[in-house]
C-alpha atoms as a PDB file:
ATOM      1  CA  UNK A   1      74.075  97.988  77.390  1.00  0.00           C
ATOM      2  CA  UNK A   2      76.344  96.098  79.810  1.00  0.00           C
ATOM      3  CA  UNK A   3      79.748  94.813  78.812  1.00  0.00           C
ATOM      4  CA  UNK A   4      80.286  91.168  78.020  1.00  0.00           C
ATOM      5  CA  UNK A   5      81.681  89.294  80.975  1.00  0.00           C
ATOM      6  CA  UNK A   6      84.269  87.444  78.891  1.00  0.00           C
ATOM      7  CA  UNK A   7      86.068  90.743  78.303  1.00  0.00           C
ATOM      8  CA  UNK A   8      86.108  91.761  81.961  1.00  0.00           C
ATOM      9  CA  UNK A   9      88.874  90.744  84.345  1.00  0.00           C
ATOM     10  CA  UNK A  10      88.380  89.570  87.897  1.00  0.00           C
ATOM     11  CA  UNK A  11      89.187  91.685  90.926  1.00  0.00           C
ATOM     12  CA  UNK A  12      92.174  89.461  91.745  1.00  0.00           C
ATOM     13  CA  UNK A  13      93.646  89.932  88.259  1.00  0.00           C
ATOM     14  CA  UNK A  14      93.316  93.695  88.463  1.00  0.00           C
ATOM     15  CA  UNK A  15      94.827  93.790  91.954  1.00  0.00           C
ATOM     16  CA  UNK A  16      97.719  91.556  90.898  1.00  0.00           C
ATOM     17  CA  UNK A  17      98.429  93.678  87.824  1.00  0.00           C
ATOM     18  CA  UNK A  18      98.387  96.853  89.915  1.00  0.00           C
ATOM     19  CA  UNK A  19     100.886  95.292  92.321  1.00  0.00           C
ATOM     20  CA  UNK A  20     103.003  94.186  89.360  1.00  0.00           C
ATOM     21  CA  UNK A  21     102.868  97.652  87.833  1.00  0.00           C
ATOM     22  CA  UNK A  22     103.892  99.467  90.999  1.00  0.00           C
ATOM     23  CA  UNK A  23     106.136  97.139  92.992  1.00  0.00           C
ATOM     24  CA  UNK A  24     107.288  94.549  90.463  1.00  0.00           C
ATOM     25  CA  UNK A  25     108.326  97.109  87.863  1.00  0.00           C
ATOM     26  CA  UNK A  26     110.128  99.168  90.499  1.00  0.00           C
ATOM     27  CA  UNK A  27     112.015  96.152  91.835  1.00  0.00           C
ATOM     28  CA  UNK A  28     112.956  95.073  88.306  1.00  0.00           C
ATOM     29  CA  UNK A  29     114.213  98.582  87.536  1.00  0.00           C
ATOM     30  CA  UNK A  30     116.252  98.752  90.737  1.00  0.00           C
ATOM     31  CA  UNK A  31     117.865  95.345  90.241  1.00  0.00           C
ATOM     32  CA  UNK A  32     118.709  96.155  86.621  1.00  0.00           C
ATOM     33  CA  UNK A  33     120.515  99.332  87.648  1.00  0.00           C
ATOM     34  CA  UNK A  34     122.299  97.643  90.539  1.00  0.00           C
ATOM     35  CA  UNK A  35     123.474  94.850  88.233  1.00  0.00           C
ATOM     36  CA  UNK A  36     124.751  97.400  85.740  1.00  0.00           C
ATOM     37  CA  UNK A  37     126.541  99.407  88.433  1.00  0.00           C
ATOM     38  CA  UNK A  38     128.123  96.295  89.940  1.00  0.00           C
ATOM     39  CA  UNK A  39     129.522  95.001  86.667  1.00  0.00           C
ATOM     40  CA  UNK A  40     131.036  98.286  85.465  1.00  0.00           C
ATOM     41  CA  UNK A  41     134.507  99.233  86.665  1.00  0.00           C
ATOM     42  CA  UNK A  42     133.694 102.899  87.332  1.00  0.00           C
ATOM     43  CA  UNK A  43     130.212 102.869  88.810  1.00  0.00           C
ATOM     44  CA  UNK A  44     129.918 106.604  89.537  1.00  0.00           C
ATOM     45  CA  UNK A  45     128.513 107.556  86.088  1.00  0.00           C
ATOM     46  CA  UNK A  46     126.071 104.649  86.269  1.00  0.00           C
ATOM     47  CA  UNK A  47     124.813 105.734  89.669  1.00  0.00           C
ATOM     48  CA  UNK A  48     124.465 109.349  88.533  1.00  0.00           C
ATOM     49  CA  UNK A  49     122.570 108.517  85.349  1.00  0.00           C
ATOM     50  CA  UNK A  50     120.434 105.905  87.068  1.00  0.00           C
ATOM     51  CA  UNK A  51     118.516 108.684  88.785  1.00  0.00           C
ATOM     52  CA  UNK A  52     117.239 109.735  85.362  1.00  0.00           C
ATOM     53  CA  UNK A  53     117.050 106.439  83.525  1.00  0.00           C
ATOM     54  CA  UNK A  54     115.389 104.512  86.335  1.00  0.00           C
ATOM     55  CA  UNK A  55     112.242 106.574  85.970  1.00  0.00           C
ATOM     56  CA  UNK A  56     112.145 105.939  82.224  1.00  0.00           C
ATOM     57  CA  UNK A  57     112.742 102.205  82.623  1.00  0.00           C
ATOM     58  CA  UNK A  58     110.096 102.021  85.354  1.00  0.00           C
ATOM     59  CA  UNK A  59     107.525 103.721  83.134  1.00  0.00           C
ATOM     60  CA  UNK A  60     108.465 101.407  80.255  1.00  0.00           C
ATOM     61  CA  UNK A  61     107.973  98.340  82.435  1.00  0.00           C
ATOM     62  CA  UNK A  62     104.657  99.736  83.680  1.00  0.00           C
ATOM     63  CA  UNK A  63     103.430 100.066  80.113  1.00  0.00           C
ATOM     64  CA  UNK A  64     104.680  96.564  79.314  1.00  0.00           C
ATOM     65  CA  UNK A  65     102.774  95.086  82.255  1.00  0.00           C
ATOM     66  CA  UNK A  66      99.689  97.057  81.266  1.00  0.00           C
ATOM     67  CA  UNK A  67      99.810  95.617  77.736  1.00  0.00           C
ATOM     68  CA  UNK A  68     100.062  92.001  78.919  1.00  0.00           C
ATOM     69  CA  UNK A  69      96.588  90.530  79.309  1.00  0.00           C
ATOM     70  CA  UNK A  70      97.235  87.886  81.977  1.00  0.00           C
ATOM     71  CA  UNK A  71      98.576  88.860  85.390  1.00  0.00           C
ATOM     72  CA  UNK A  72     100.670  85.709  85.776  1.00  0.00           C
ATOM     73  CA  UNK A  73     102.442  86.397  82.478  1.00  0.00           C
ATOM     74  CA  UNK A  74     103.228  89.932  83.630  1.00  0.00           C
ATOM     75  CA  UNK A  75     104.664  88.599  86.879  1.00  0.00           C
ATOM     76  CA  UNK A  76     106.625  85.997  84.915  1.00  0.00           C
ATOM     77  CA  UNK A  77     108.219  88.701  82.770  1.00  0.00           C
ATOM     78  CA  UNK A  78     109.076  90.857  85.784  1.00  0.00           C
ATOM     79  CA  UNK A  79     110.421  87.959  87.827  1.00  0.00           C
ATOM     80  CA  UNK A  80     112.498  86.885  84.836  1.00  0.00           C
ATOM     81  CA  UNK A  81     114.058  90.347  84.626  1.00  0.00           C
ATOM     82  CA  UNK A  82     114.653  90.352  88.384  1.00  0.00           C
ATOM     83  CA  UNK A  83     116.144  86.857  88.272  1.00  0.00           C
ATOM     84  CA  UNK A  84     118.543  87.653  85.443  1.00  0.00           C
ATOM     85  CA  UNK A  85     119.583  90.872  87.163  1.00  0.00           C
ATOM     86  CA  UNK A  86     120.173  89.049  90.452  1.00  0.00           C
ATOM     87  CA  UNK A  87     122.239  86.488  88.568  1.00  0.00           C
ATOM     88  CA  UNK A  88     124.467  89.299  87.314  1.00  0.00           C
ATOM     89  CA  UNK A  89     124.647  90.845  90.795  1.00  0.00           C
ATOM     90  CA  UNK A  90     125.523  87.768  92.802  1.00  0.00           C
ATOM     91  CA  UNK A  91     127.017  85.189  90.440  1.00  0.00           C
ATOM     92  CA  UNK A  92     129.182  87.207  88.094  1.00  0.00           C
END
C-alpha cells in the first residue's frame, strides 16, 4: 500500500532541510561560540570548552531542525540564531 502524498515532502524540501541540518546548524553553533568568546573577558576557558560543547550544540540544533516540519521555518530559526549571535559579535 503506497503512502499518502500529503504526508510526503518534496525533493527540494528534503534537500533544503539536509543543508540546514549540516551547514546551517554548524554555522549557528560556530557563531554562538564566537559571540560568547568575544563577550567574555577571559576567553581562554570558552575556547577550550567550545571544542566539547560545540558538538553537543550542533547535534541539538540538528535535532531541532529535524523536528520542524517546514524547511523555511527551520532556516528561519537558524538564521535568527545566527543573526542574534552576529549582533553580539559586531555590535556589542
